[in-house]
């Protein structure tokens, strides 16, 4: 299953929904899921420091990650049905 084609069933900025969706798909027995997060937004400042002034507020660092779940193509329809029922 190392070189399996995958399709994205979840790609959003909502971490809580991502964790719940991941858990529901695992309970449904969806095999070989690939899950993770990536940062889509570029830093605001210049000079390559990657410090963002918005991270130093009262509530701390802002979560800007996009969370994704990818499943094998064979399990795509089953995963979509499970997510719709959720």
N, C-alpha and C. Protein backbone atom coordinates (compact mmCIF):
# COMPACT_ATOMS: atom_id res chain seq x y z
N UNK A 1 0.81 -1.21 0.00
CA UNK A 1 0.00 0.00 0.00
C UNK A 1 0.85 1.27 0.00
N UNK A 2 2.11 1.12 -0.27
CA UNK A 2 3.01 2.27 -0.25
C UNK A 2 2.76 3.20 -1.43
N UNK A 3 2.51 2.64 -2.60
CA UNK A 3 2.28 3.46 -3.79
C UNK A 3 0.82 3.43 -4.21
N UNK A 4 -0.04 3.78 -3.30
CA UNK A 4 -1.48 3.78 -3.55
C UNK A 4 -1.94 5.19 -3.89
N UNK A 5 -2.78 5.28 -4.93
CA UNK A 5 -3.38 6.59 -5.24
C UNK A 5 -4.38 6.95 -4.16
N UNK A 6 -4.37 8.20 -3.76
CA UNK A 6 -5.25 8.66 -2.69
C UNK A 6 -6.09 9.84 -3.16
N UNK A 7 -7.24 9.99 -2.53
CA UNK A 7 -8.11 11.14 -2.78
C UNK A 7 -8.38 11.84 -1.46
N UNK A 8 -8.50 13.15 -1.53
CA UNK A 8 -8.75 13.95 -0.34
C UNK A 8 -10.24 13.97 -0.02
N UNK A 9 -10.57 13.59 1.22
CA UNK A 9 -11.97 13.62 1.66
C UNK A 9 -12.22 14.76 2.64
N UNK A 10 -11.16 15.34 3.18
CA UNK A 10 -11.30 16.43 4.15
C UNK A 10 -10.12 17.38 3.97
N UNK A 11 -10.41 18.67 3.84
CA UNK A 11 -9.36 19.68 3.72
C UNK A 11 -9.94 21.01 4.20
N UNK A 12 -9.82 21.25 5.49
CA UNK A 12 -10.39 22.46 6.09
C UNK A 12 -9.47 23.02 7.15
N UNK A 13 -9.86 24.16 7.67
CA UNK A 13 -9.08 24.85 8.69
C UNK A 13 -9.56 24.57 10.11
N UNK A 14 -10.48 23.68 10.27
CA UNK A 14 -11.14 23.39 11.54
C UNK A 14 -10.50 22.17 12.19
N UNK A 15 -9.67 22.37 13.21
CA UNK A 15 -8.95 21.27 13.85
C UNK A 15 -9.87 20.33 14.61
N UNK A 16 -10.86 20.86 15.31
CA UNK A 16 -11.77 20.03 16.09
C UNK A 16 -12.57 19.10 15.17
N UNK A 17 -13.07 19.64 14.06
CA UNK A 17 -13.82 18.82 13.10
C UNK A 17 -12.91 17.78 12.46
N UNK A 18 -11.66 18.13 12.20
CA UNK A 18 -10.68 17.21 11.62
C UNK A 18 -10.44 16.02 12.56
N UNK A 19 -10.27 16.31 13.85
CA UNK A 19 -10.04 15.23 14.82
C UNK A 19 -11.26 14.32 14.93
N UNK A 20 -12.46 14.91 14.92
CA UNK A 20 -13.68 14.11 15.00
C UNK A 20 -13.86 13.26 13.74
N UNK A 21 -13.61 13.85 12.58
CA UNK A 21 -13.73 13.12 11.32
C UNK A 21 -12.73 11.98 11.25
N UNK A 22 -11.51 12.23 11.68
CA UNK A 22 -10.48 11.20 11.70
C UNK A 22 -10.90 10.02 12.57
N UNK A 23 -11.45 10.33 13.74
CA UNK A 23 -11.89 9.30 14.67
C UNK A 23 -13.05 8.48 14.09
N UNK A 24 -14.00 9.15 13.46
CA UNK A 24 -15.15 8.46 12.88
C UNK A 24 -14.72 7.55 11.74
N UNK A 25 -13.79 8.01 10.90
CA UNK A 25 -13.30 7.19 9.80
C UNK A 25 -12.53 5.98 10.30
N UNK A 26 -11.76 6.14 11.37
CA UNK A 26 -11.04 5.01 11.96
C UNK A 26 -12.03 3.98 12.50
N UNK A 27 -13.10 4.44 13.16
CA UNK A 27 -14.12 3.53 13.69
C UNK A 27 -14.87 2.80 12.58
N UNK A 28 -14.99 3.45 11.41
CA UNK A 28 -15.69 2.84 10.28
C UNK A 28 -14.79 1.82 9.56
N UNK A 29 -13.52 1.79 9.91
CA UNK A 29 -12.61 0.81 9.33
C UNK A 29 -12.02 1.22 8.00
N UNK A 30 -11.92 2.50 7.74
CA UNK A 30 -11.30 2.98 6.51
C UNK A 30 -9.80 2.68 6.60
N UNK A 31 -9.25 1.94 5.64
CA UNK A 31 -7.84 1.53 5.74
C UNK A 31 -6.87 2.59 5.22
N UNK A 32 -5.68 2.59 5.78
CA UNK A 32 -4.52 3.32 5.24
C UNK A 32 -4.78 4.80 4.99
N UNK A 33 -5.32 5.52 5.98
CA UNK A 33 -5.56 6.95 5.84
C UNK A 33 -4.25 7.72 5.99
N UNK A 34 -4.14 8.80 5.27
CA UNK A 34 -3.02 9.71 5.43
C UNK A 34 -3.59 11.02 5.96
N UNK A 35 -3.16 11.42 7.15
CA UNK A 35 -3.67 12.64 7.78
C UNK A 35 -2.51 13.57 8.10
N UNK A 36 -2.82 14.85 8.11
CA UNK A 36 -1.78 15.82 8.45
C UNK A 36 -2.29 17.24 8.34
N UNK A 37 -1.34 18.17 8.39
CA UNK A 37 -1.68 19.60 8.31
C UNK A 37 -0.58 20.32 7.54
N UNK A 38 -0.96 21.42 6.93
CA UNK A 38 0.00 22.25 6.23
C UNK A 38 -0.38 23.71 6.41
N UNK A 39 0.60 24.58 6.27
CA UNK A 39 0.36 26.01 6.42
C UNK A 39 0.25 26.63 5.03
N UNK A 40 -0.88 27.23 4.75
CA UNK A 40 -1.15 27.78 3.42
C UNK A 40 -0.86 29.29 3.37
N UNK A 41 -0.93 29.92 4.52
CA UNK A 41 -0.79 31.37 4.60
C UNK A 41 0.68 31.77 4.75
N UNK A 42 1.11 32.73 3.99
CA UNK A 42 2.48 33.22 4.09
C UNK A 42 2.64 34.14 5.29
N UNK A 43 3.83 34.23 5.86
CA UNK A 43 4.05 35.17 6.97
C UNK A 43 3.85 36.61 6.51
N UNK A 44 3.41 37.45 7.42
CA UNK A 44 3.09 38.84 7.10
C UNK A 44 4.34 39.70 6.99
N UNK A 45 5.32 39.44 7.82
CA UNK A 45 6.49 40.32 7.88
C UNK A 45 7.48 40.03 6.75
N UNK A 46 8.46 40.85 6.65
CA UNK A 46 9.51 40.64 5.67
C UNK A 46 10.75 40.10 6.34
N UNK A 47 11.86 40.20 5.74
CA UNK A 47 13.20 39.88 6.22
C UNK A 47 13.39 38.40 6.54
N UNK A 48 12.46 37.54 6.20
CA UNK A 48 12.62 36.10 6.40
C UNK A 48 12.53 35.64 7.84
N UNK A 49 12.10 36.47 8.76
CA UNK A 49 12.07 36.09 10.17
C UNK A 49 10.91 35.16 10.48
N UNK A 50 9.86 35.15 9.66
CA UNK A 50 8.66 34.35 9.85
C UNK A 50 8.00 34.60 11.21
N UNK A 51 8.14 35.79 11.71
CA UNK A 51 7.43 36.19 12.92
C UNK A 51 6.20 36.97 12.49
N UNK A 52 5.08 36.62 13.04
CA UNK A 52 3.83 37.27 12.68
C UNK A 52 3.32 38.02 13.91
N UNK A 53 3.07 39.30 13.77
CA UNK A 53 2.63 40.12 14.89
C UNK A 53 1.31 39.63 15.47
N UNK A 54 0.50 38.96 14.66
CA UNK A 54 -0.80 38.47 15.13
C UNK A 54 -0.65 37.32 16.13
N UNK A 55 0.53 36.70 16.21
CA UNK A 55 0.75 35.58 17.13
C UNK A 55 1.06 36.03 18.55
N UNK A 56 1.27 37.29 18.76
CA UNK A 56 1.69 37.76 20.07
C UNK A 56 0.58 38.50 20.82
N UNK A 57 -0.65 38.11 20.57
CA UNK A 57 -1.80 38.73 21.24
C UNK A 57 -2.08 38.04 22.57
N UNK A 58 -3.19 38.39 23.15
CA UNK A 58 -3.60 37.85 24.44
C UNK A 58 -3.80 36.34 24.42
N UNK A 59 -4.32 35.82 23.32
CA UNK A 59 -4.66 34.40 23.24
C UNK A 59 -3.53 33.54 22.69
N UNK A 60 -2.38 34.11 22.43
CA UNK A 60 -1.25 33.33 21.95
C UNK A 60 -1.27 33.10 20.44
N UNK A 61 -0.56 32.11 20.01
CA UNK A 61 -0.40 31.82 18.58
C UNK A 61 -1.73 31.40 17.95
N UNK A 62 -1.97 31.93 16.76
CA UNK A 62 -3.18 31.64 16.01
C UNK A 62 -2.95 30.37 15.19
N UNK A 63 -3.93 29.47 15.17
CA UNK A 63 -3.84 28.25 14.37
C UNK A 63 -4.22 28.56 12.93
N UNK A 64 -3.26 28.56 12.04
CA UNK A 64 -3.50 28.86 10.63
C UNK A 64 -3.39 27.63 9.75
N UNK A 65 -3.25 26.46 10.34
CA UNK A 65 -3.06 25.24 9.57
C UNK A 65 -4.35 24.79 8.89
N UNK A 66 -4.17 24.17 7.73
CA UNK A 66 -5.24 23.48 7.04
C UNK A 66 -5.02 22.00 7.29
N UNK A 67 -6.05 21.31 7.73
CA UNK A 67 -5.95 19.90 8.09
C UNK A 67 -6.57 19.06 6.99
N UNK A 68 -5.93 17.94 6.66
CA UNK A 68 -6.42 17.11 5.57
C UNK A 68 -6.47 15.64 5.97
N UNK A 69 -7.34 14.91 5.27
CA UNK A 69 -7.42 13.46 5.38
C UNK A 69 -7.51 12.93 3.96
N UNK A 70 -6.61 12.01 3.64
CA UNK A 70 -6.61 11.37 2.33
C UNK A 70 -6.81 9.87 2.53
N UNK A 71 -7.62 9.27 1.65
CA UNK A 71 -7.88 7.84 1.71
C UNK A 71 -7.57 7.22 0.36
N UNK A 72 -7.32 5.91 0.31
CA UNK A 72 -7.12 5.24 -0.98
C UNK A 72 -8.36 5.40 -1.86
N UNK A 73 -8.14 5.42 -3.18
CA UNK A 73 -9.25 5.61 -4.11
C UNK A 73 -10.34 4.55 -3.93
N UNK A 74 -9.95 3.33 -3.58
CA UNK A 74 -10.92 2.25 -3.41
C UNK A 74 -11.87 2.51 -2.24
N UNK A 75 -11.42 3.25 -1.24
CA UNK A 75 -12.24 3.52 -0.05
C UNK A 75 -12.86 4.92 -0.07
N UNK A 76 -12.70 5.65 -1.17
CA UNK A 76 -13.16 7.04 -1.24
C UNK A 76 -14.67 7.17 -1.06
N UNK A 77 -15.44 6.38 -1.79
CA UNK A 77 -16.91 6.48 -1.71
C UNK A 77 -17.42 6.11 -0.32
N UNK A 78 -16.82 5.09 0.27
CA UNK A 78 -17.20 4.68 1.63
C UNK A 78 -16.89 5.79 2.63
N UNK A 79 -15.72 6.42 2.49
CA UNK A 79 -15.33 7.50 3.39
C UNK A 79 -16.25 8.71 3.25
N UNK A 80 -16.61 9.07 2.03
CA UNK A 80 -17.53 10.19 1.80
C UNK A 80 -18.89 9.91 2.43
N UNK A 81 -19.36 8.66 2.31
CA UNK A 81 -20.66 8.31 2.90
C UNK A 81 -20.60 8.40 4.42
N UNK A 82 -19.50 7.97 5.00
CA UNK A 82 -19.35 8.04 6.47
C UNK A 82 -19.33 9.49 6.93
N UNK A 83 -18.63 10.35 6.20
CA UNK A 83 -18.55 11.77 6.56
C UNK A 83 -19.92 12.45 6.42
N UNK A 84 -20.67 12.10 5.40
CA UNK A 84 -22.01 12.68 5.21
C UNK A 84 -22.96 12.29 6.35
N UNK A 85 -22.82 11.06 6.84
CA UNK A 85 -23.67 10.60 7.94
C UNK A 85 -23.26 11.22 9.27
N UNK A 86 -22.03 11.69 9.37
CA UNK A 86 -21.51 12.26 10.60
C UNK A 86 -22.22 13.52 10.90
